[in-house]
């Protein structure tokens, strides 16, 4: 399916936790989806044929969160802040063939509080 033709992608996460504090970051890399141009006879189908003339630039999206866990009475409170797309990078989730391009979400910030026993 040409609108999903991205040759390389990867995800990596890092988590740190100590004395109730926790931090995490997740990065997602994509080598670039199609830009809507029709491929011609020079279109390569191998893993490392990146076909840059019909691809958008590669993207790296970083998500991060931080929080702290502490006891209050018999409950444990876990407030957390989560930031999706930290650098507010524009990127494609789906290429431009057939049904049109779908873009990823812009930066968003969420504040959460989990209450447990």
PDB file of N, CA and C in Angstrom:
ATOM      1  N   UNK A   1       0.853  -1.175   0.000  1.00  0.00           N
ATOM      2  CA  UNK A   1       0.000   0.000   0.000  1.00  0.00           C
ATOM      3  C   UNK A   1       0.898   1.237   0.000  1.00  0.00           C
ATOM      4  N   UNK A   2       0.868   2.002  -1.071  1.00  0.00           N
ATOM      5  CA  UNK A   2       1.805   3.116  -1.237  1.00  0.00           C
ATOM      6  C   UNK A   2       1.690   4.181  -0.164  1.00  0.00           C
ATOM      7  N   UNK A   3       0.498   4.397   0.399  1.00  0.00           N
ATOM      8  CA  UNK A   3       0.385   5.464   1.395  1.00  0.00           C
ATOM      9  C   UNK A   3       0.951   5.071   2.753  1.00  0.00           C
ATOM     10  N   UNK A   4       1.360   3.828   2.916  1.00  0.00           N
ATOM     11  CA  UNK A   4       2.001   3.378   4.155  1.00  0.00           C
ATOM     12  C   UNK A   4       3.454   2.970   3.919  1.00  0.00           C
ATOM     13  N   UNK A   5       4.034   3.376   2.795  1.00  0.00           N
ATOM     14  CA  UNK A   5       5.382   2.952   2.429  1.00  0.00           C
ATOM     15  C   UNK A   5       6.426   3.794   3.153  1.00  0.00           C
ATOM     16  N   UNK A   6       6.777   3.365   4.343  1.00  0.00           N
ATOM     17  CA  UNK A   6       7.855   3.978   5.123  1.00  0.00           C
ATOM     18  C   UNK A   6       8.865   2.868   5.379  1.00  0.00           C
ATOM     19  N   UNK A   7      10.089   3.035   4.901  1.00  0.00           N
ATOM     20  CA  UNK A   7      11.060   1.942   4.911  1.00  0.00           C
ATOM     21  C   UNK A   7      11.612   1.620   6.291  1.00  0.00           C
ATOM     22  N   UNK A   8      11.834   2.619   7.109  1.00  0.00           N
ATOM     23  CA  UNK A   8      12.405   2.373   8.433  1.00  0.00           C
ATOM     24  C   UNK A   8      11.599   3.103   9.501  1.00  0.00           C
ATOM     25  N   UNK A   9      11.393   2.445  10.612  1.00  0.00           N
ATOM     26  CA  UNK A   9      10.778   3.097  11.763  1.00  0.00           C
ATOM     27  C   UNK A   9      11.333   2.450  13.021  1.00  0.00           C
ATOM     28  N   UNK A  10      11.324   3.195  14.091  1.00  0.00           N
ATOM     29  CA  UNK A  10      11.844   2.670  15.351  1.00  0.00           C
ATOM     30  C   UNK A  10      11.290   3.435  16.534  1.00  0.00           C
ATOM     31  N   UNK A  11      11.243   2.758  17.665  1.00  0.00           N
ATOM     32  CA  UNK A  11      10.753   3.346  18.909  1.00  0.00           C
ATOM     33  C   UNK A  11      11.732   2.984  20.018  1.00  0.00           C
ATOM     34  N   UNK A  12      12.085   3.950  20.854  1.00  0.00           N
ATOM     35  CA  UNK A  12      12.963   3.701  22.005  1.00  0.00           C
ATOM     36  C   UNK A  12      12.418   4.459  23.212  1.00  0.00           C
ATOM     37  N   UNK A  13      12.527   3.841  24.378  1.00  0.00           N
ATOM     38  CA  UNK A  13      12.041   4.462  25.616  1.00  0.00           C
ATOM     39  C   UNK A  13      13.107   4.417  26.692  1.00  0.00           C
ATOM     40  N   UNK A  14      13.069   5.418  27.564  1.00  0.00           N
ATOM     41  CA  UNK A  14      13.945   5.490  28.725  1.00  0.00           C
ATOM     42  C   UNK A  14      13.065   5.812  29.926  1.00  0.00           C
ATOM     43  N   UNK A  15      13.281   5.094  31.029  1.00  0.00           N
ATOM     44  CA  UNK A  15      12.503   5.322  32.252  1.00  0.00           C
ATOM     45  C   UNK A  15      13.470   5.433  33.423  1.00  0.00           C
ATOM     46  N   UNK A  16      13.220   6.399  34.300  1.00  0.00           N
ATOM     47  CA  UNK A  16      14.014   6.570  35.518  1.00  0.00           C
ATOM     48  C   UNK A  16      13.040   6.678  36.684  1.00  0.00           C
ATOM     49  N   UNK A  17      13.332   5.960  37.765  1.00  0.00           N
ATOM     50  CA  UNK A  17      12.485   6.037  38.963  1.00  0.00           C
ATOM     51  C   UNK A  17      13.362   5.951  40.204  1.00  0.00           C
ATOM     52  N   UNK A  18      13.107   6.835  41.169  1.00  0.00           N
ATOM     53  CA  UNK A  18      13.838   6.822  42.438  1.00  0.00           C
ATOM     54  C   UNK A  18      13.041   7.587  43.486  1.00  0.00           C
ATOM     55  N   UNK A  19      12.857   6.990  44.643  1.00  0.00           N
ATOM     56  CA  UNK A  19      12.205   7.627  45.799  1.00  0.00           C
ATOM     57  C   UNK A  19      10.877   8.310  45.444  1.00  0.00           C
ATOM     58  N   UNK A  20      10.060   7.628  44.681  1.00  0.00           N
ATOM     59  CA  UNK A  20       8.747   8.156  44.342  1.00  0.00           C
ATOM     60  C   UNK A  20       8.697   9.000  43.078  1.00  0.00           C
ATOM     61  N   UNK A  21       9.840   9.509  42.614  1.00  0.00           N
ATOM     62  CA  UNK A  21       9.893  10.309  41.394  1.00  0.00           C
ATOM     63  C   UNK A  21      10.038   9.378  40.196  1.00  0.00           C
ATOM     64  N   UNK A  22       9.343   9.669  39.119  1.00  0.00           N
ATOM     65  CA  UNK A  22       9.558   8.904  37.898  1.00  0.00           C
ATOM     66  C   UNK A  22       9.521   9.830  36.687  1.00  0.00           C
ATOM     67  N   UNK A  23      10.401   9.533  35.750  1.00  0.00           N
ATOM     68  CA  UNK A  23      10.531  10.274  34.499  1.00  0.00           C
ATOM     69  C   UNK A  23      10.564   9.261  33.366  1.00  0.00           C
ATOM     70  N   UNK A  24       9.953   9.581  32.261  1.00  0.00           N
ATOM     71  CA  UNK A  24      10.042   8.695  31.106  1.00  0.00           C
ATOM     72  C   UNK A  24      10.041   9.519  29.829  1.00  0.00           C
ATOM     73  N   UNK A  25      10.680   8.979  28.808  1.00  0.00           N
ATOM     74  CA  UNK A  25      10.700   9.595  27.485  1.00  0.00           C
ATOM     75  C   UNK A  25      10.631   8.483  26.448  1.00  0.00           C
ATOM     76  N   UNK A  26       9.863   8.728  25.407  1.00  0.00           N
ATOM     77  CA  UNK A  26       9.750   7.781  24.306  1.00  0.00           C
ATOM     78  C   UNK A  26       9.940   8.542  23.006  1.00  0.00           C
ATOM     79  N   UNK A  27      10.853   8.068  22.178  1.00  0.00           N
ATOM     80  CA  UNK A  27      11.104   8.670  20.876  1.00  0.00           C
ATOM     81  C   UNK A  27      10.679   7.727  19.768  1.00  0.00           C
ATOM     82  N   UNK A  28      10.072   8.283  18.723  1.00  0.00           N
ATOM     83  CA  UNK A  28       9.632   7.503  17.572  1.00  0.00           C
ATOM     84  C   UNK A  28      10.235   8.111  16.313  1.00  0.00           C
ATOM     85  N   UNK A  29      10.920   7.280  15.512  1.00  0.00           N
ATOM     86  CA  UNK A  29      11.546   7.728  14.268  1.00  0.00           C
ATOM     87  C   UNK A  29      10.836   7.089  13.082  1.00  0.00           C
ATOM     88  N   UNK A  30      10.598   7.868  12.044  1.00  0.00           N
ATOM     89  CA  UNK A  30      10.078   7.349  10.778  1.00  0.00           C
ATOM     90  C   UNK A  30      10.881   7.927   9.631  1.00  0.00           C
ATOM     91  N   UNK A  31      11.255   7.093   8.660  1.00  0.00           N
ATOM     92  CA  UNK A  31      12.113   7.543   7.567  1.00  0.00           C
ATOM     93  C   UNK A  31      11.383   8.380   6.516  1.00  0.00           C
ATOM     94  N   UNK A  32      10.056   8.458   6.582  1.00  0.00           N
ATOM     95  CA  UNK A  32       9.302   9.322   5.667  1.00  0.00           C
ATOM     96  C   UNK A  32       8.283   8.558   4.846  1.00  0.00           C
ATOM     97  N   UNK A  33       7.047   9.033   4.857  1.00  0.00           N
ATOM     98  CA  UNK A  33       5.962   8.442   4.071  1.00  0.00           C
ATOM     99  C   UNK A  33       5.879   9.108   2.706  1.00  0.00           C
ATOM    100  N   UNK A  34       5.022   8.591   1.845  1.00  0.00           N
ATOM    101  CA  UNK A  34       4.881   9.133   0.498  1.00  0.00           C
ATOM    102  C   UNK A  34       4.268  10.531   0.513  1.00  0.00           C
ATOM    103  N   UNK A  35       4.616  11.318  -0.516  1.00  0.00           N
ATOM    104  CA  UNK A  35       4.143  12.705  -0.587  1.00  0.00           C
ATOM    105  C   UNK A  35       3.018  12.916  -1.592  1.00  0.00           C
ATOM    106  N   UNK A  36       2.542  11.868  -2.229  1.00  0.00           N
ATOM    107  CA  UNK A  36       1.449  11.987  -3.192  1.00  0.00           C
ATOM    108  C   UNK A  36       1.890  11.978  -4.638  1.00  0.00           C
ATOM    109  N   UNK A  37       3.199  12.119  -4.904  1.00  0.00           N
ATOM    110  CA  UNK A  37       3.691  12.050  -6.276  1.00  0.00           C
ATOM    111  C   UNK A  37       3.575  10.613  -6.774  1.00  0.00           C
ATOM    112  N   UNK A  38       3.228  10.455  -8.042  1.00  0.00           N
ATOM    113  CA  UNK A  38       3.119   9.110  -8.611  1.00  0.00           C
ATOM    114  C   UNK A  38       4.502   8.509  -8.805  1.00  0.00           C
ATOM    115  N   UNK A  39       4.715   7.286  -8.313  1.00  0.00           N
ATOM    116  CA  UNK A  39       6.007   6.636  -8.539  1.00  0.00           C
ATOM    117  C   UNK A  39       6.148   6.257 -10.007  1.00  0.00           C
ATOM    118  N   UNK A  40       7.377   6.258 -10.499  1.00  0.00           N
ATOM    119  CA  UNK A  40       7.624   5.867 -11.883  1.00  0.00           C
ATOM    120  C   UNK A  40       8.474   4.602 -11.908  1.00  0.00           C
ATOM    121  N   UNK A  41       9.068   4.307 -13.050  1.00  0.00           N
ATOM    122  CA  UNK A  41       9.837   3.074 -13.214  1.00  0.00           C
ATOM    123  C   UNK A  41      11.080   3.037 -12.331  1.00  0.00           C
ATOM    124  N   UNK A  42      11.531   4.181 -11.823  1.00  0.00           N
ATOM    125  CA  UNK A  42      12.732   4.195 -10.987  1.00  0.00           C
ATOM    126  C   UNK A  42      12.416   3.900  -9.526  1.00  0.00           C
ATOM    127  N   UNK A  43      11.153   3.659  -9.200  1.00  0.00           N
ATOM    128  CA  UNK A  43      10.739   3.393  -7.822  1.00  0.00           C
ATOM    129  C   UNK A  43      11.357   2.086  -7.338  1.00  0.00           C
ATOM    130  N   UNK A  44      12.209   2.169  -6.316  1.00  0.00           N
ATOM    131  CA  UNK A  44      12.855   0.979  -5.771  1.00  0.00           C
ATOM    132  C   UNK A  44      12.003   0.329  -4.703  1.00  0.00           C
ATOM    133  N   UNK A  45      12.019  -0.981  -4.649  1.00  0.00           N
ATOM    134  CA  UNK A  45      11.189  -1.706  -3.683  1.00  0.00           C
ATOM    135  C   UNK A  45      12.000  -2.372  -2.581  1.00  0.00           C
ATOM    136  N   UNK A  46      13.304  -2.191  -2.555  1.00  0.00           N
ATOM    137  CA  UNK A  46      14.135  -2.775  -1.509  1.00  0.00           C
ATOM    138  C   UNK A  46      14.030  -2.002  -0.202  1.00  0.00           C
ATOM    139  N   UNK A  47      14.427  -2.649   0.889  1.00  0.00           N
ATOM    140  CA  UNK A  47      14.348  -2.037   2.214  1.00  0.00           C
ATOM    141  C   UNK A  47      15.077  -0.701   2.277  1.00  0.00           C
ATOM    142  N   UNK A  48      16.223  -0.599   1.634  1.00  0.00           N
ATOM    143  CA  UNK A  48      17.016   0.627   1.709  1.00  0.00           C
ATOM    144  C   UNK A  48      16.826   1.543   0.504  1.00  0.00           C
ATOM    145  N   UNK A  49      15.807   1.284  -0.322  1.00  0.00           N
ATOM    146  CA  UNK A  49      15.436   2.195  -1.406  1.00  0.00           C
ATOM    147  C   UNK A  49      14.496   3.244  -0.827  1.00  0.00           C
ATOM    148  N   UNK A  50      15.038   4.383  -0.441  1.00  0.00           N
ATOM    149  CA  UNK A  50      14.237   5.380   0.259  1.00  0.00           C
ATOM    150  C   UNK A  50      13.393   6.254  -0.664  1.00  0.00           C
ATOM    151  N   UNK A  51      13.672   6.255  -1.973  1.00  0.00           N
ATOM    152  CA  UNK A  51      12.840   6.966  -2.952  1.00  0.00           C
ATOM    153  C   UNK A  51      12.523   8.396  -2.504  1.00  0.00           C
ATOM    154  N   UNK A  52      13.558   9.156  -2.221  1.00  0.00           N
ATOM    155  CA  UNK A  52      13.385  10.491  -1.643  1.00  0.00           C
ATOM    156  C   UNK A  52      12.543  11.435  -2.505  1.00  0.00           C
ATOM    157  N   UNK A  53      12.474  11.211  -3.809  1.00  0.00           N
ATOM    158  CA  UNK A  53      11.703  12.122  -4.666  1.00  0.00           C
ATOM    159  C   UNK A  53      10.197  12.028  -4.428  1.00  0.00           C
ATOM    160  N   UNK A  54       9.722  10.949  -3.827  1.00  0.00           N
ATOM    161  CA  UNK A  54       8.283  10.817  -3.563  1.00  0.00           C
ATOM    162  C   UNK A  54       7.989  10.676  -2.067  1.00  0.00           C
ATOM    163  N   UNK A  55       8.926  11.089  -1.220  1.00  0.00           N
ATOM    164  CA  UNK A  55       8.751  10.953   0.233  1.00  0.00           C
ATOM    165  C   UNK A  55       8.823  12.309   0.923  1.00  0.00           C
ATOM    166  N   UNK A  56       8.111  12.421   2.041  1.00  0.00           N
ATOM    167  CA  UNK A  56       8.259  13.590   2.903  1.00  0.00           C
ATOM    168  C   UNK A  56       9.511  13.376   3.752  1.00  0.00           C
ATOM    169  N   UNK A  57      10.050  14.414   4.380  1.00  0.00           N
ATOM    170  CA  UNK A  57      11.236  14.235   5.219  1.00  0.00           C
ATOM    171  C   UNK A  57      10.968  13.287   6.398  1.00  0.00           C
ATOM    172  N   UNK A  58      12.028  12.724   6.911  1.00  0.00           N
ATOM    173  CA  UNK A  58      11.918  11.845   8.080  1.00  0.00           C
ATOM    174  C   UNK A  58      11.439  12.645   9.295  1.00  0.00           C
ATOM    175  N   UNK A  59      10.989  11.917  10.323  1.00  0.00           N
ATOM    176  CA  UNK A  59      10.501  12.600  11.520  1.00  0.00           C
ATOM    177  C   UNK A  59      10.989  11.893  12.777  1.00  0.00           C
ATOM    178  N   UNK A  60      11.140  12.663  13.829  1.00  0.00           N
ATOM    179  CA  UNK A  60      11.447  12.133  15.156  1.00  0.00           C
ATOM    180  C   UNK A  60      10.497  12.819  16.129  1.00  0.00           C
ATOM    181  N   UNK A  61       9.676  12.033  16.804  1.00  0.00           N
ATOM    182  CA  UNK A  61       8.679  12.559  17.734  1.00  0.00           C
ATOM    183  C   UNK A  61       9.059  12.116  19.139  1.00  0.00           C
ATOM    184  N   UNK A  62       9.099  13.053  20.071  1.00  0.00           N
ATOM    185  CA  UNK A  62       9.454  12.755  21.457  1.00  0.00           C
ATOM    186  C   UNK A  62       8.252  13.019  22.356  1.00  0.00           C
ATOM    187  N   UNK A  63       7.927  12.033  23.186  1.00  0.00           N
ATOM    188  CA  UNK A  63       6.890  12.162  24.214  1.00  0.00           C
ATOM    189  C   UNK A  63       7.565  12.004  25.565  1.00  0.00           C
ATOM    190  N   UNK A  64       7.098  12.709  26.574  1.00  0.00           N
ATOM    191  CA  UNK A  64       7.719  12.606  27.893  1.00  0.00           C
ATOM    192  C   UNK A  64       6.711  12.732  29.012  1.00  0.00           C
ATOM    193  N   UNK A  65       7.062  12.175  30.157  1.00  0.00           N
ATOM    194  CA  UNK A  65       6.198  12.311  31.330  1.00  0.00           C
ATOM    195  C   UNK A  65       7.050  12.367  32.586  1.00  0.00           C
ATOM    196  N   UNK A  66       6.471  12.961  33.603  1.00  0.00           N
ATOM    197  CA  UNK A  66       7.124  13.045  34.907  1.00  0.00           C
ATOM    198  C   UNK A  66       6.037  12.981  35.968  1.00  0.00           C
ATOM    199  N   UNK A  67       6.366  12.372  37.082  1.00  0.00           N
ATOM    200  CA  UNK A  67       5.386  12.277  38.154  1.00  0.00           C
ATOM    201  C   UNK A  67       6.043  11.934  39.474  1.00  0.00           C
ATOM    202  N   UNK A  68       5.211  11.880  40.492  1.00  0.00           N
ATOM    203  CA  UNK A  68       5.699  11.596  41.836  1.00  0.00           C
ATOM    204  C   UNK A  68       4.615  10.816  42.567  1.00  0.00           C
ATOM    205  N   UNK A  69       5.007   9.792  43.305  1.00  0.00           N
ATOM    206  CA  UNK A  69       4.057   8.991  44.087  1.00  0.00           C
ATOM    207  C   UNK A  69       4.307   9.234  45.570  1.00  0.00           C
ATOM    208  N   UNK A  70       3.214   9.478  46.311  1.00  0.00           N
ATOM    209  CA  UNK A  70       3.357   9.672  47.757  1.00  0.00           C
ATOM    210  C   UNK A  70       2.072   9.215  48.447  1.00  0.00           C
ATOM    211  N   UNK A  71       2.227   8.857  49.718  1.00  0.00           N
ATOM    212  CA  UNK A  71       1.094   8.349  50.501  1.00  0.00           C
ATOM    213  C   UNK A  71       0.395   9.486  51.232  1.00  0.00           C
ATOM    214  N   UNK A  72      -0.930   9.422  51.236  1.00  0.00           N
ATOM    215  CA  UNK A  72      -1.767  10.349  51.994  1.00  0.00           C
ATOM    216  C   UNK A  72      -2.799   9.487  52.704  1.00  0.00           C
ATOM    217  N   UNK A  73      -2.659   9.376  54.021  1.00  0.00           N
ATOM    218  CA  UNK A  73      -3.548   8.481  54.755  1.00  0.00           C
ATOM    219  C   UNK A  73      -3.333   7.053  54.278  1.00  0.00           C
ATOM    220  N   UNK A  74      -4.395   6.384  53.880  1.00  0.00           N
ATOM    221  CA  UNK A  74      -4.277   5.013  53.380  1.00  0.00           C
ATOM    222  C   UNK A  74      -4.201   4.924  51.869  1.00  0.00           C
ATOM    223  N   UNK A  75      -4.095   6.058  51.178  1.00  0.00           N
ATOM    224  CA  UNK A  75      -4.073   6.053  49.714  1.00  0.00           C
ATOM    225  C   UNK A  75      -2.713   6.510  49.191  1.00  0.00           C
ATOM    226  N   UNK A  76      -2.427   6.119  47.959  1.00  0.00           N
ATOM    227  CA  UNK A  76      -1.221   6.575  47.268  1.00  0.00           C
ATOM    228  C   UNK A  76      -1.663   7.487  46.127  1.00  0.00           C
ATOM    229  N   UNK A  77      -1.160   8.716  46.137  1.00  0.00           N
ATOM    230  CA  UNK A  77      -1.441   9.671  45.066  1.00  0.00           C
ATOM    231  C   UNK A  77      -0.278   9.681  44.086  1.00  0.00           C
ATOM    232  N   UNK A  78      -0.623   9.714  42.802  1.00  0.00           N
ATOM    233  CA  UNK A  78       0.403   9.741  41.756  1.00  0.00           C
ATOM    234  C   UNK A  78       0.077  10.843  40.738  1.00  0.00           C
ATOM    235  N   UNK A  79       0.411  12.090  41.037  1.00  0.00           N
ATOM    236  CA  UNK A  79       0.221  13.135  40.026  1.00  0.00           C
ATOM    237  C   UNK A  79       1.272  12.975  38.921  1.00  0.00           C
ATOM    238  N   UNK A  80       0.865  13.292  37.701  1.00  0.00           N
ATOM    239  CA  UNK A  80       1.756  13.112  36.558  1.00  0.00           C
ATOM    240  C   UNK A  80       1.449  14.169  35.506  1.00  0.00           C
ATOM    241  N   UNK A  81       2.487  14.613  34.803  1.00  0.00           N
ATOM    242  CA  UNK A  81       2.309  15.461  33.627  1.00  0.00           C
ATOM    243  C   UNK A  81       2.848  14.679  32.432  1.00  0.00           C
ATOM    244  N   UNK A  82       2.099  14.698  31.338  1.00  0.00           N
ATOM    245  CA  UNK A  82       2.466  13.975  30.125  1.00  0.00           C
ATOM    246  C   UNK A  82       2.444  14.960  28.965  1.00  0.00           C
ATOM    247  N   UNK A  83       3.532  14.994  28.190  1.00  0.00           N
ATOM    248  CA  UNK A  83       3.613  15.874  27.023  1.00  0.00           C
ATOM    249  C   UNK A  83       3.800  15.004  25.785  1.00  0.00           C
ATOM    250  N   UNK A  84       2.846  15.102  24.879  1.00  0.00           N
ATOM    251  CA  UNK A  84       2.932  14.383  23.606  1.00  0.00           C
ATOM    252  C   UNK A  84       3.488  15.332  22.557  1.00  0.00           C
ATOM    253  N   UNK A  85       4.450  14.849  21.756  1.00  0.00           N
ATOM    254  CA  UNK A  85       5.071  15.648  20.696  1.00  0.00           C
ATOM    255  C   UNK A  85       5.736  16.896  21.290  1.00  0.00           C
ATOM    256  N   UNK A  86       6.715  16.676  22.135  1.00  0.00           N
ATOM    257  CA  UNK A  86       7.395  17.730  22.902  1.00  0.00           C
ATOM    258  C   UNK A  86       7.855  18.893  22.019  1.00  0.00           C
ATOM    259  N   UNK A  87       8.412  18.608  20.849  1.00  0.00           N
ATOM    260  CA  UNK A  87       8.954  19.660  19.985  1.00  0.00           C
ATOM    261  C   UNK A  87       7.924  20.198  18.986  1.00  0.00           C
ATOM    262  N   UNK A  88       6.657  19.773  19.104  1.00  0.00           N
ATOM    263  CA  UNK A  88       5.558  20.235  18.254  1.00  0.00           C
ATOM    264  C   UNK A  88       5.878  20.052  16.773  1.00  0.00           C
ATOM    265  N   UNK A  89       6.424  18.894  16.434  1.00  0.00           N
ATOM    266  CA  UNK A  89       6.831  18.572  15.067  1.00  0.00           C
ATOM    267  C   UNK A  89       5.621  18.150  14.237  1.00  0.00           C
ATOM    268  N   UNK A  90       5.490  18.683  13.017  1.00  0.00           N
ATOM    269  CA  UNK A  90       4.454  18.207  12.100  1.00  0.00           C
ATOM    270  C   UNK A  90       4.960  16.945  11.424  1.00  0.00           C
ATOM    271  N   UNK A  91       4.097  15.931  11.350  1.00  0.00           N
ATOM    272  CA  UNK A  91       4.495  14.670  10.725  1.00  0.00           C
ATOM    273  C   UNK A  91       3.265  13.952  10.189  1.00  0.00           C
ATOM    274  N   UNK A  92       3.493  13.070   9.224  1.00  0.00           N
ATOM    275  CA  UNK A  92       2.413  12.300   8.622  1.00  0.00           C
ATOM    276  C   UNK A  92       2.236  10.971   9.333  1.00  0.00           C
ATOM    277  N   UNK A  93       0.991  10.593   9.567  1.00  0.00           N
ATOM    278  CA  UNK A  93       0.668   9.249  10.053  1.00  0.00           C
ATOM    279  C   UNK A  93       0.381   8.323   8.885  1.00  0.00           C
ATOM    280  N   UNK A  94      -0.075   8.900   7.790  1.00  0.00           N
ATOM    281  CA  UNK A  94      -0.425   8.147   6.599  1.00  0.00           C
ATOM    282  C   UNK A  94      -0.090   9.011   5.408  1.00  0.00           C
ATOM    283  N   UNK A  95       0.422   8.400   4.348  1.00  0.00           N
ATOM    284  CA  UNK A  95       0.825   9.145   3.164  1.00  0.00           C
ATOM    285  C   UNK A  95      -0.340   9.749   2.402  1.00  0.00           C
ATOM    286  N   UNK A  96      -0.044  10.373   1.267  1.00  0.00           N
ATOM    287  CA  UNK A  96      -1.026  11.179   0.546  1.00  0.00           C
ATOM    288  C   UNK A  96      -1.761  10.441  -0.570  1.00  0.00           C
ATOM    289  N   UNK A  97      -1.530   9.159  -0.772  1.00  0.00           N
ATOM    290  CA  UNK A  97      -2.241   8.426  -1.816  1.00  0.00           C
ATOM    291  C   UNK A  97      -3.652   8.073  -1.372  1.00  0.00           C
ATOM    292  N   UNK A  98      -4.517   7.840  -2.314  1.00  0.00           N
ATOM    293  CA  UNK A  98      -5.863   7.283  -2.146  1.00  0.00           C
ATOM    294  C   UNK A  98      -6.789   8.162  -1.309  1.00  0.00           C
ATOM    295  N   UNK A  99      -6.698   8.167   0.000  1.00  0.00           N
ATOM    296  CA  UNK A  99      -7.686   8.876   0.820  1.00  0.00           C
ATOM    297  C   UNK A  99      -7.150  10.168   1.432  1.00  0.00           C
ATOM    298  N   UNK A 100      -5.993  10.619   1.030  1.00  0.00           N
ATOM    299  CA  UNK A 100      -5.455  11.866   1.558  1.00  0.00           C
ATOM    300  C   UNK A 100      -4.558  11.657   2.762  1.00  0.00           C
ATOM    301  N   UNK A 101      -3.782  12.660   3.056  1.00  0.00           N
ATOM    302  CA  UNK A 101      -2.802  12.583   4.144  1.00  0.00           C
ATOM    303  C   UNK A 101      -3.480  12.703   5.507  1.00  0.00           C
ATOM    304  N   UNK A 102      -2.903  12.029   6.490  1.00  0.00           N
ATOM    305  CA  UNK A 102      -3.339  12.153   7.886  1.00  0.00           C
ATOM    306  C   UNK A 102      -2.149  12.621   8.700  1.00  0.00           C
ATOM    307  N   UNK A 103      -2.306  13.735   9.376  1.00  0.00           N
ATOM    308  CA  UNK A 103      -1.209  14.306  10.143  1.00  0.00           C
ATOM    309  C   UNK A 103      -1.277  13.876  11.597  1.00  0.00           C
ATOM    310  N   UNK A 104      -0.102  13.802  12.246  1.00  0.00           N
ATOM    311  CA  UNK A 104      -0.025  13.490  13.665  1.00  0.00           C
ATOM    312  C   UNK A 104      -0.490  14.667  14.505  1.00  0.00           C
ATOM    313  N   UNK A 105      -0.741  14.384  15.759  1.00  0.00           N
ATOM    314  CA  UNK A 105      -1.234  15.422  16.671  1.00  0.00           C
ATOM    315  C   UNK A 105      -0.153  16.445  16.991  1.00  0.00           C
ATOM    316  N   UNK A 106      -0.535  17.708  17.143  1.00  0.00           N
ATOM    317  CA  UNK A 106       0.427  18.708  17.615  1.00  0.00           C
ATOM    318  C   UNK A 106       0.725  18.471  19.096  1.00  0.00           C
ATOM    319  N   UNK A 107       1.609  19.288  19.650  1.00  0.00           N
ATOM    320  CA  UNK A 107       1.940  19.141  21.070  1.00  0.00           C
ATOM    321  C   UNK A 107       0.669  19.205  21.906  1.00  0.00           C
ATOM    322  N   UNK A 108       0.583  18.306  22.861  1.00  0.00           N
ATOM    323  CA  UNK A 108      -0.522  18.353  23.820  1.00  0.00           C
ATOM    324  C   UNK A 108       0.038  18.040  25.198  1.00  0.00           C
ATOM    325  N   UNK A 109      -0.578  18.617  26.208  1.00  0.00           N
ATOM    326  CA  UNK A 109      -0.140  18.425  27.589  1.00  0.00           C
ATOM    327  C   UNK A 109      -1.326  17.904  28.387  1.00  0.00           C
ATOM    328  N   UNK A 110      -1.078  16.852  29.155  1.00  0.00           N
ATOM    329  CA  UNK A 110      -2.111  16.282  30.017  1.00  0.00           C
ATOM    330  C   UNK A 110      -1.591  16.248  31.445  1.00  0.00           C
ATOM    331  N   UNK A 111      -2.468  16.543  32.372  1.00  0.00           N
ATOM    332  CA  UNK A 111      -2.145  16.415  33.794  1.00  0.00           C
ATOM    333  C   UNK A 111      -3.086  15.357  34.350  1.00  0.00           C
ATOM    334  N   UNK A 112      -2.515  14.368  35.024  1.00  0.00           N
ATOM    335  CA  UNK A 112      -3.294  13.252  35.553  1.00  0.00           C
ATOM    336  C   UNK A 112      -2.995  13.071  37.029  1.00  0.00           C
ATOM    337  N   UNK A 113      -3.960  12.534  37.741  1.00  0.00           N
ATOM    338  CA  UNK A 113      -3.738  12.120  39.127  1.00  0.00           C
ATOM    339  C   UNK A 113      -4.376  10.749  39.294  1.00  0.00           C
ATOM    340  N   UNK A 114      -3.561   9.760  39.626  1.00  0.00           N
ATOM    341  CA  UNK A 114      -4.057   8.418  39.934  1.00  0.00           C
ATOM    342  C   UNK A 114      -4.115   8.267  41.446  1.00  0.00           C
ATOM    343  N   UNK A 115      -5.184   7.688  41.918  1.00  0.00           N
ATOM    344  CA  UNK A 115      -5.343   7.434  43.346  1.00  0.00           C
ATOM    345  C   UNK A 115      -5.493   5.935  43.525  1.00  0.00           C
ATOM    346  N   UNK A 116      -4.635   5.349  44.342  1.00  0.00           N
ATOM    347  CA  UNK A 116      -4.675   3.908  44.570  1.00  0.00           C
ATOM    348  C   UNK A 116      -4.429   3.570  46.021  1.00  0.00           C
ATOM    349  N   UNK A 117      -4.503   2.281  46.282  1.00  0.00           N
ATOM    350  CA  UNK A 117      -4.288   1.814  47.657  1.00  0.00           C
ATOM    351  C   UNK A 117      -2.848   1.423  47.867  1.00  0.00           C
TER     352      UNK A 117
END
